[in-house]
Amino acid sequence: PTDGSGDYLGSGVFIHLDPSATKMVQTKHFVIHYVS
């Protein structure tokens, strides 16, 4: 989701998250990526 520069799928299920706005929370085994 954070790798594409655009979303060719329009309203598809594949979401696009702007890397510059994406935040991260790390746990022992995971990194949670999200925008606020």
PDB file of all heavy atoms in Angstrom:
ATOM      1  N   PRO A   1       0.783  -1.239   0.000  1.00  0.00           N
ATOM      2  CA  PRO A   1       0.000   0.000   0.000  1.00  0.00           C
ATOM      3  C   PRO A   1       0.814   1.287   0.000  1.00  0.00           C
ATOM      4  O   PRO A   1       0.346   2.310  -0.488  1.00  0.00           O
ATOM      5  CB  PRO A   1      -0.829  -0.121   1.286  1.00  0.00           C
ATOM      6  CG  PRO A   1      -1.003  -1.593   1.469  1.00  0.00           C
ATOM      7  CD  PRO A   1       0.312  -2.190   1.033  1.00  0.00           C
ATOM      8  N   THR A   2       2.014   1.263   0.557  1.00  0.00           N
ATOM      9  CA  THR A   2       2.821   2.482   0.613  1.00  0.00           C
ATOM     10  C   THR A   2       3.832   2.579  -0.522  1.00  0.00           C
ATOM     11  O   THR A   2       4.623   3.509  -0.557  1.00  0.00           O
ATOM     12  CB  THR A   2       3.581   2.552   1.953  1.00  0.00           C
ATOM     13  OG1 THR A   2       4.317   1.335   2.129  1.00  0.00           O
ATOM     14  CG2 THR A   2       2.629   2.735   3.116  1.00  0.00           C
ATOM     15  N   ASP A   3       3.812   1.628  -1.449  1.00  0.00           N
ATOM     16  CA  ASP A   3       4.839   1.604  -2.486  1.00  0.00           C
ATOM     17  C   ASP A   3       4.409   2.228  -3.799  1.00  0.00           C
ATOM     18  O   ASP A   3       5.239   2.640  -4.591  1.00  0.00           O
ATOM     19  CB  ASP A   3       5.283   0.161  -2.768  1.00  0.00           C
ATOM     20  CG  ASP A   3       6.160  -0.391  -1.654  1.00  0.00           C
ATOM     21  OD1 ASP A   3       6.536   0.395  -0.772  1.00  0.00           O
ATOM     22  OD2 ASP A   3       6.447  -1.589  -1.676  1.00  0.00           O
ATOM     23  N   GLY A   4       3.123   2.245  -4.085  1.00  0.00           N
ATOM     24  CA  GLY A   4       2.672   2.739  -5.384  1.00  0.00           C
ATOM     25  C   GLY A   4       2.566   4.239  -5.411  1.00  0.00           C
ATOM     26  O   GLY A   4       2.244   4.881  -4.413  1.00  0.00           O
ATOM     27  N   SER A   5       2.823   4.832  -6.574  1.00  0.00           N
ATOM     28  CA  SER A   5       2.692   6.275  -6.714  1.00  0.00           C
ATOM     29  C   SER A   5       1.275   6.665  -7.108  1.00  0.00           C
ATOM     30  O   SER A   5       0.933   7.831  -7.169  1.00  0.00           O
ATOM     31  CB  SER A   5       3.677   6.786  -7.778  1.00  0.00           C
ATOM     32  OG  SER A   5       3.417   6.165  -9.029  1.00  0.00           O
ATOM     33  N   GLY A   6       0.446   5.701  -7.407  1.00  0.00           N
ATOM     34  CA  GLY A   6      -0.938   5.960  -7.790  1.00  0.00           C
ATOM     35  C   GLY A   6      -1.748   4.695  -7.626  1.00  0.00           C
ATOM     36  O   GLY A   6      -1.205   3.632  -7.359  1.00  0.00           O
ATOM     37  N   ASP A   7      -3.037   4.825  -7.784  1.00  0.00           N
ATOM     38  CA  ASP A   7      -3.919   3.670  -7.621  1.00  0.00           C
ATOM     39  C   ASP A   7      -4.664   3.428  -8.924  1.00  0.00           C
ATOM     40  O   ASP A   7      -5.675   4.057  -9.205  1.00  0.00           O
ATOM     41  CB  ASP A   7      -4.909   3.919  -6.479  1.00  0.00           C
ATOM     42  CG  ASP A   7      -5.832   2.734  -6.238  1.00  0.00           C
ATOM     43  OD1 ASP A   7      -5.607   1.690  -6.870  1.00  0.00           O
ATOM     44  OD2 ASP A   7      -6.756   2.866  -5.430  1.00  0.00           O
ATOM     45  N   TYR A   8      -4.141   2.507  -9.721  1.00  0.00           N
ATOM     46  CA  TYR A   8      -4.778   2.199 -11.000  1.00  0.00           C
ATOM     47  C   TYR A   8      -6.102   1.461 -10.819  1.00  0.00           C
ATOM     48  O   TYR A   8      -6.872   1.340 -11.756  1.00  0.00           O
ATOM     49  CB  TYR A   8      -3.846   1.343 -11.866  1.00  0.00           C
ATOM     50  CG  TYR A   8      -2.816   2.130 -12.614  1.00  0.00           C
ATOM     51  CD1 TYR A   8      -1.554   2.335 -12.061  1.00  0.00           C
ATOM     52  CD2 TYR A   8      -3.097   2.679 -13.851  1.00  0.00           C
ATOM     53  CE1 TYR A   8      -0.603   3.071 -12.734  1.00  0.00           C
ATOM     54  CE2 TYR A   8      -2.140   3.408 -14.538  1.00  0.00           C
ATOM     55  CZ  TYR A   8      -0.900   3.608 -13.975  1.00  0.00           C
ATOM     56  OH  TYR A   8       0.046   4.343 -14.645  1.00  0.00           O
ATOM     57  N   LEU A   9      -6.333   0.960  -9.616  1.00  0.00           N
ATOM     58  CA  LEU A   9      -7.536   0.172  -9.400  1.00  0.00           C
ATOM     59  C   LEU A   9      -8.725   1.016  -8.962  1.00  0.00           C
ATOM     60  O   LEU A   9      -9.797   0.502  -8.705  1.00  0.00           O
ATOM     61  CB  LEU A   9      -7.266  -0.925  -8.362  1.00  0.00           C
ATOM     62  CG  LEU A   9      -6.281  -1.982  -8.836  1.00  0.00           C
ATOM     63  CD1 LEU A   9      -6.022  -2.983  -7.727  1.00  0.00           C
ATOM     64  CD2 LEU A   9      -6.813  -2.709 -10.053  1.00  0.00           C
ATOM     65  N   GLY A  10      -8.531   2.322  -8.884  1.00  0.00           N
ATOM     66  CA  GLY A  10      -9.656   3.190  -8.568  1.00  0.00           C
ATOM     67  C   GLY A  10     -10.332   2.800  -7.277  1.00  0.00           C
ATOM     68  O   GLY A  10      -9.770   2.926  -6.201  1.00  0.00           O
ATOM     69  N   SER A  11     -11.550   2.312  -7.366  1.00  0.00           N
ATOM     70  CA  SER A  11     -12.321   1.979  -6.168  1.00  0.00           C
ATOM     71  C   SER A  11     -12.129   0.530  -5.761  1.00  0.00           C
ATOM     72  O   SER A  11     -12.985  -0.066  -5.122  1.00  0.00           O
ATOM     73  CB  SER A  11     -13.811   2.241  -6.419  1.00  0.00           C
ATOM     74  OG  SER A  11     -14.281   1.428  -7.476  1.00  0.00           O
ATOM     75  N   GLY A  12     -11.024  -0.054  -6.135  1.00  0.00           N
ATOM     76  CA  GLY A  12     -10.785  -1.450  -5.808  1.00  0.00           C
ATOM     77  C   GLY A  12     -10.438  -1.640  -4.348  1.00  0.00           C
ATOM     78  O   GLY A  12     -10.345  -0.689  -3.577  1.00  0.00           O
ATOM     79  N   VAL A  13     -10.210  -2.890  -3.961  1.00  0.00           N
ATOM     80  CA  VAL A  13      -9.938  -3.167  -2.554  1.00  0.00           C
ATOM     81  C   VAL A  13      -8.510  -2.822  -2.173  1.00  0.00           C
ATOM     82  O   VAL A  13      -8.177  -2.787  -0.999  1.00  0.00           O
ATOM     83  CB  VAL A  13     -10.185  -4.649  -2.228  1.00  0.00           C
ATOM     84  CG1 VAL A  13     -11.614  -5.022  -2.545  1.00  0.00           C
ATOM     85  CG2 VAL A  13      -9.236  -5.553  -2.966  1.00  0.00           C
ATOM     86  N   PHE A  14      -7.646  -2.584  -3.140  1.00  0.00           N
ATOM     87  CA  PHE A  14      -6.247  -2.321  -2.839  1.00  0.00           C
ATOM     88  C   PHE A  14      -6.085  -0.856  -2.479  1.00  0.00           C
ATOM     89  O   PHE A  14      -6.308   0.031  -3.283  1.00  0.00           O
ATOM     90  CB  PHE A  14      -5.382  -2.673  -4.049  1.00  0.00           C
ATOM     91  CG  PHE A  14      -5.630  -4.066  -4.540  1.00  0.00           C
ATOM     92  CD1 PHE A  14      -6.537  -4.300  -5.556  1.00  0.00           C
ATOM     93  CD2 PHE A  14      -4.993  -5.131  -3.963  1.00  0.00           C
ATOM     94  CE1 PHE A  14      -6.791  -5.575  -5.994  1.00  0.00           C
ATOM     95  CE2 PHE A  14      -5.241  -6.418  -4.387  1.00  0.00           C
ATOM     96  CZ  PHE A  14      -6.151  -6.644  -5.416  1.00  0.00           C
ATOM     97  N   ILE A  15      -5.709  -0.609  -1.246  1.00  0.00           N
ATOM     98  CA  ILE A  15      -5.632   0.771  -0.779  1.00  0.00           C
ATOM     99  C   ILE A  15      -4.255   1.359  -1.076  1.00  0.00           C
ATOM    100  O   ILE A  15      -3.266   0.644  -1.200  1.00  0.00           O
ATOM    101  CB  ILE A  15      -5.933   0.859   0.726  1.00  0.00           C
ATOM    102  CG1 ILE A  15      -4.855   0.126   1.539  1.00  0.00           C
ATOM    103  CG2 ILE A  15      -7.310   0.308   1.041  1.00  0.00           C
ATOM    104  CD1 ILE A  15      -4.969   0.357   3.028  1.00  0.00           C
ATOM    105  N   HIS A  16      -4.211   2.679  -1.180  1.00  0.00           N
ATOM    106  CA  HIS A  16      -2.949   3.401  -1.373  1.00  0.00           C
ATOM    107  C   HIS A  16      -2.766   4.359  -0.203  1.00  0.00           C
ATOM    108  O   HIS A  16      -3.619   5.189   0.071  1.00  0.00           O
ATOM    109  CB  HIS A  16      -2.971   4.179  -2.681  1.00  0.00           C
ATOM    110  CG  HIS A  16      -1.821   5.115  -2.835  1.00  0.00           C
ATOM    111  ND1 HIS A  16      -0.531   4.677  -2.978  1.00  0.00           N
ATOM    112  CD2 HIS A  16      -1.771   6.475  -2.842  1.00  0.00           C
ATOM    113  CE1 HIS A  16       0.281   5.717  -3.078  1.00  0.00           C
ATOM    114  NE2 HIS A  16      -0.445   6.818  -2.994  1.00  0.00           N
ATOM    115  N   LEU A  17      -1.642   4.212   0.498  1.00  0.00           N
ATOM    116  CA  LEU A  17      -1.305   5.105   1.593  1.00  0.00           C
ATOM    117  C   LEU A  17      -0.131   5.979   1.166  1.00  0.00           C
ATOM    118  O   LEU A  17       0.911   5.472   0.733  1.00  0.00           O
ATOM    119  CB  LEU A  17      -0.927   4.308   2.849  1.00  0.00           C
ATOM    120  CG  LEU A  17      -1.981   3.353   3.415  1.00  0.00           C
ATOM    121  CD1 LEU A  17      -1.434   2.660   4.666  1.00  0.00           C
ATOM    122  CD2 LEU A  17      -3.279   4.067   3.726  1.00  0.00           C
ATOM    123  N   ASP A  18      -0.283   7.275   1.291  1.00  0.00           N
ATOM    124  CA  ASP A  18       0.780   8.214   0.928  1.00  0.00           C
ATOM    125  C   ASP A  18       1.966   8.005   1.876  1.00  0.00           C
ATOM    126  O   ASP A  18       1.842   8.220   3.086  1.00  0.00           O
ATOM    127  CB  ASP A  18       0.252   9.642   1.041  1.00  0.00           C
ATOM    128  CG  ASP A  18       1.290  10.672   0.630  1.00  0.00           C
ATOM    129  OD1 ASP A  18       2.446  10.275   0.334  1.00  0.00           O
ATOM    130  OD2 ASP A  18       0.948  11.868   0.614  1.00  0.00           O
ATOM    131  N   PRO A  19       3.123   7.577   1.345  1.00  0.00           N
ATOM    132  CA  PRO A  19       4.277   7.315   2.226  1.00  0.00           C
ATOM    133  C   PRO A  19       4.666   8.516   3.079  1.00  0.00           C
ATOM    134  O   PRO A  19       5.096   8.355   4.228  1.00  0.00           O
ATOM    135  CB  PRO A  19       5.391   6.941   1.245  1.00  0.00           C
ATOM    136  CG  PRO A  19       4.680   6.454   0.030  1.00  0.00           C
ATOM    137  CD  PRO A  19       3.421   7.281  -0.057  1.00  0.00           C
ATOM    138  N   SER A  20       4.483   9.726   2.549  1.00  0.00           N
ATOM    139  CA  SER A  20       4.898  10.917   3.299  1.00  0.00           C
ATOM    140  C   SER A  20       3.981  11.196   4.492  1.00  0.00           C
ATOM    141  O   SER A  20       4.369  11.894   5.430  1.00  0.00           O
ATOM    142  CB  SER A  20       4.915  12.142   2.376  1.00  0.00           C
ATOM    143  OG  SER A  20       3.603  12.437   1.907  1.00  0.00           O
ATOM    144  N   ALA A  21       2.769  10.634   4.460  1.00  0.00           N
ATOM    145  CA  ALA A  21       1.824  10.865   5.552  1.00  0.00           C
ATOM    146  C   ALA A  21       1.651   9.635   6.446  1.00  0.00           C
ATOM    147  O   ALA A  21       0.944   9.710   7.461  1.00  0.00           O
ATOM    148  CB  ALA A  21       0.460  11.267   4.972  1.00  0.00           C
ATOM    149  N   THR A  22       2.294   8.557   6.096  1.00  0.00           N
ATOM    150  CA  THR A  22       2.100   7.318   6.837  1.00  0.00           C
ATOM    151  C   THR A  22       2.921   7.312   8.132  1.00  0.00           C
ATOM    152  O   THR A  22       4.106   7.628   8.133  1.00  0.00           O
ATOM    153  CB  THR A  22       2.488   6.104   5.977  1.00  0.00           C
ATOM    154  OG1 THR A  22       1.670   6.091   4.813  1.00  0.00           O
ATOM    155  CG2 THR A  22       2.289   4.801   6.729  1.00  0.00           C
ATOM    156  N   LYS A  23       2.267   6.919   9.209  1.00  0.00           N
ATOM    157  CA  LYS A  23       2.924   6.799  10.504  1.00  0.00           C
ATOM    158  C   LYS A  23       3.087   5.315  10.835  1.00  0.00           C
ATOM    159  O   LYS A  23       2.442   4.463  10.234  1.00  0.00           O
ATOM    160  CB  LYS A  23       2.083   7.489  11.576  1.00  0.00           C
ATOM    161  CG  LYS A  23       1.804   8.956  11.295  1.00  0.00           C
ATOM    162  CD  LYS A  23       0.891   9.558  12.351  1.00  0.00           C
ATOM    163  CE  LYS A  23       0.569  11.005  12.034  1.00  0.00           C
ATOM    164  NZ  LYS A  23      -0.345  11.605  13.056  1.00  0.00           N
ATOM    165  N   MET A  24       3.935   5.045  11.810  1.00  0.00           N
ATOM    166  CA  MET A  24       4.212   3.652  12.166  1.00  0.00           C
ATOM    167  C   MET A  24       4.266   3.468  13.675  1.00  0.00           C
ATOM    168  O   MET A  24       4.766   4.327  14.393  1.00  0.00           O
ATOM    169  CB  MET A  24       5.539   3.197  11.548  1.00  0.00           C
ATOM    170  CG  MET A  24       5.503   3.015  10.046  1.00  0.00           C
ATOM    171  SD  MET A  24       7.163   2.866   9.344  1.00  0.00           S
ATOM    172  CE  MET A  24       7.680   4.579   9.391  1.00  0.00           C
ATOM    173  N   VAL A  25       3.751   2.331  14.126  1.00  0.00           N
ATOM    174  CA  VAL A  25       3.879   1.905  15.518  1.00  0.00           C
ATOM    175  C   VAL A  25       4.484   0.508  15.500  1.00  0.00           C
ATOM    176  O   VAL A  25       3.982  -0.388  14.824  1.00  0.00           O
ATOM    177  CB  VAL A  25       2.511   1.876  16.227  1.00  0.00           C
ATOM    178  CG1 VAL A  25       2.611   1.179  17.575  1.00  0.00           C
ATOM    179  CG2 VAL A  25       1.983   3.300  16.406  1.00  0.00           C
ATOM    180  N   GLN A  26       5.589   0.357  16.231  1.00  0.00           N
ATOM    181  CA  GLN A  26       6.275  -0.934  16.246  1.00  0.00           C
ATOM    182  C   GLN A  26       5.957  -1.701  17.527  1.00  0.00           C
ATOM    183  O   GLN A  26       5.838  -1.123  18.605  1.00  0.00           O
ATOM    184  CB  GLN A  26       7.790  -0.729  16.172  1.00  0.00           C
ATOM    185  CG  GLN A  26       8.269  -0.118  14.872  1.00  0.00           C
ATOM    186  CD  GLN A  26       9.772  -0.141  14.786  1.00  0.00           C
ATOM    187  OE1 GLN A  26      10.394  -1.200  14.941  1.00  0.00           O
ATOM    188  NE2 GLN A  26      10.374   1.017  14.545  1.00  0.00           N
ATOM    189  N   THR A  27       5.815  -3.012  17.362  1.00  0.00           N
ATOM    190  CA  THR A  27       5.698  -3.912  18.496  1.00  0.00           C
ATOM    191  C   THR A  27       6.840  -4.925  18.383  1.00  0.00           C
ATOM    192  O   THR A  27       7.735  -4.772  17.549  1.00  0.00           O
ATOM    193  CB  THR A  27       4.340  -4.639  18.493  1.00  0.00           C
ATOM    194  OG1 THR A  27       4.297  -5.559  17.388  1.00  0.00           O
ATOM    195  CG2 THR A  27       3.186  -3.659  18.378  1.00  0.00           C
ATOM    196  N   LYS A  28       6.810  -5.941  19.182  1.00  0.00           N
ATOM    197  CA  LYS A  28       7.884  -6.931  19.161  1.00  0.00           C
ATOM    198  C   LYS A  28       8.010  -7.603  17.799  1.00  0.00           C
ATOM    199  O   LYS A  28       9.124  -7.847  17.322  1.00  0.00           O
ATOM    200  CB  LYS A  28       7.645  -7.987  20.242  1.00  0.00           C
ATOM    201  CG  LYS A  28       8.751  -9.041  20.332  1.00  0.00           C
ATOM    202  CD  LYS A  28       8.486 -10.008  21.481  1.00  0.00           C
ATOM    203  CE  LYS A  28       9.595 -11.062  21.579  1.00  0.00           C
ATOM    204  NZ  LYS A  28       9.338 -12.012  22.706  1.00  0.00           N
ATOM    205  N   HIS A  29       6.893  -7.902  17.157  1.00  0.00           N
ATOM    206  CA  HIS A  29       6.926  -8.662  15.910  1.00  0.00           C
ATOM    207  C   HIS A  29       6.325  -7.931  14.711  1.00  0.00           C
ATOM    208  O   HIS A  29       6.442  -8.414  13.586  1.00  0.00           O
ATOM    209  CB  HIS A  29       6.160  -9.976  16.087  1.00  0.00           C
ATOM    210  CG  HIS A  29       6.721 -10.877  17.125  1.00  0.00           C
ATOM    211  ND1 HIS A  29       6.122 -11.044  18.362  1.00  0.00           N
ATOM    212  CD2 HIS A  29       7.837 -11.659  17.139  1.00  0.00           C
ATOM    213  CE1 HIS A  29       6.829 -11.895  19.085  1.00  0.00           C
ATOM    214  NE2 HIS A  29       7.870 -12.274  18.378  1.00  0.00           N
ATOM    215  N   PHE A  30       5.691  -6.767  14.935  1.00  0.00           N
ATOM    216  CA  PHE A  30       4.944  -6.116  13.861  1.00  0.00           C
ATOM    217  C   PHE A  30       5.289  -4.641  13.742  1.00  0.00           C
ATOM    218  O   PHE A  30       5.764  -4.012  14.689  1.00  0.00           O
ATOM    219  CB  PHE A  30       3.432  -6.240  14.114  1.00  0.00           C
ATOM    220  CG  PHE A  30       2.937  -7.655  14.158  1.00  0.00           C
ATOM    221  CD1 PHE A  30       2.833  -8.340  15.379  1.00  0.00           C
ATOM    222  CD2 PHE A  30       2.573  -8.324  13.001  1.00  0.00           C
ATOM    223  CE1 PHE A  30       2.375  -9.642  15.428  1.00  0.00           C
ATOM    224  CE2 PHE A  30       2.119  -9.630  13.042  1.00  0.00           C
ATOM    225  CZ  PHE A  30       2.020 -10.294  14.258  1.00  0.00           C
ATOM    226  N   VAL A  31       5.011  -4.118  12.549  1.00  0.00           N
ATOM    227  CA  VAL A  31       4.987  -2.679  12.335  1.00  0.00           C
ATOM    228  C   VAL A  31       3.609  -2.340  11.787  1.00  0.00           C
ATOM    229  O   VAL A  31       3.198  -2.860  10.747  1.00  0.00           O
ATOM    230  CB  VAL A  31       6.069  -2.212  11.336  1.00  0.00           C
ATOM    231  CG1 VAL A  31       5.975  -0.701  11.144  1.00  0.00           C
ATOM    232  CG2 VAL A  31       7.452  -2.607  11.821  1.00  0.00           C
ATOM    233  N   ILE A  32       2.873  -1.500  12.486  1.00  0.00           N
ATOM    234  CA  ILE A  32       1.540  -1.091  12.066  1.00  0.00           C
ATOM    235  C   ILE A  32       1.679   0.222  11.293  1.00  0.00           C
ATOM    236  O   ILE A  32       2.162   1.220  11.843  1.00  0.00           O
ATOM    237  CB  ILE A  32       0.593  -0.885  13.262  1.00  0.00           C
ATOM    238  CG1 ILE A  32       0.700  -2.058  14.254  1.00  0.00           C
ATOM    239  CG2 ILE A  32      -0.839  -0.680  12.782  1.00  0.00           C
ATOM    240  CD1 ILE A  32       0.315  -3.394  13.688  1.00  0.00           C
ATOM    241  N   HIS A  33       1.262   0.224  10.034  1.00  0.00           N
ATOM    242  CA  HIS A  33       1.336   1.411   9.179  1.00  0.00           C
ATOM    243  C   HIS A  33      -0.059   2.024   9.068  1.00  0.00           C
ATOM    244  O   HIS A  33      -1.029   1.305   8.764  1.00  0.00           O
ATOM    245  CB  HIS A  33       1.830   1.040   7.782  1.00  0.00           C
ATOM    246  CG  HIS A  33       3.163   0.350   7.757  1.00  0.00           C
ATOM    247  ND1 HIS A  33       4.334   0.985   7.402  1.00  0.00           N
ATOM    248  CD2 HIS A  33       3.509  -0.940   8.046  1.00  0.00           C
ATOM    249  CE1 HIS A  33       5.345   0.124   7.466  1.00  0.00           C
ATOM    250  NE2 HIS A  33       4.865  -1.048   7.859  1.00  0.00           N
ATOM    251  N   TYR A  34      -0.161   3.343   9.253  1.00  0.00           N
ATOM    252  CA  TYR A  34      -1.475   3.975   9.197  1.00  0.00           C
ATOM    253  C   TYR A  34      -1.340   5.457   8.880  1.00  0.00           C
ATOM    254  O   TYR A  34      -0.265   6.054   8.995  1.00  0.00           O
ATOM    255  CB  TYR A  34      -2.205   3.800  10.533  1.00  0.00           C
ATOM    256  CG  TYR A  34      -1.642   4.637  11.662  1.00  0.00           C
ATOM    257  CD1 TYR A  34      -2.280   5.810  12.078  1.00  0.00           C
ATOM    258  CD2 TYR A  34      -0.453   4.276  12.317  1.00  0.00           C
ATOM    259  CE1 TYR A  34      -1.763   6.586  13.111  1.00  0.00           C
ATOM    260  CE2 TYR A  34       0.061   5.039  13.347  1.00  0.00           C
ATOM    261  CZ  TYR A  34      -0.598   6.193  13.737  1.00  0.00           C
ATOM    262  OH  TYR A  34      -0.081   6.965  14.745  1.00  0.00           O
ATOM    263  N   VAL A  35      -2.424   6.034   8.458  1.00  0.00           N
ATOM    264  CA  VAL A  35      -2.529   7.492   8.330  1.00  0.00           C
ATOM    265  C   VAL A  35      -3.613   7.939   9.290  1.00  0.00           C
ATOM    266  O   VAL A  35      -4.532   7.185   9.620  1.00  0.00           O
ATOM    267  CB  VAL A  35      -2.857   7.917   6.878  1.00  0.00           C
ATOM    268  CG1 VAL A  35      -1.705   7.579   5.946  1.00  0.00           C
ATOM    269  CG2 VAL A  35      -4.156   7.279   6.392  1.00  0.00           C
ATOM    270  N   SER A  36      -3.527   9.179   9.751  1.00  0.00           N
ATOM    271  CA  SER A  36      -4.441   9.641  10.794  1.00  0.00           C
ATOM    272  C   SER A  36      -5.608  10.448  10.261  1.00  0.00           C
ATOM    273  O   SER A  36      -6.474  10.865  11.042  1.00  0.00           O
ATOM    274  CB  SER A  36      -3.666  10.477  11.827  1.00  0.00           C
ATOM    275  OG  SER A  36      -2.993  11.550  11.190  1.00  0.00           O
TER     276      SER A  36
END
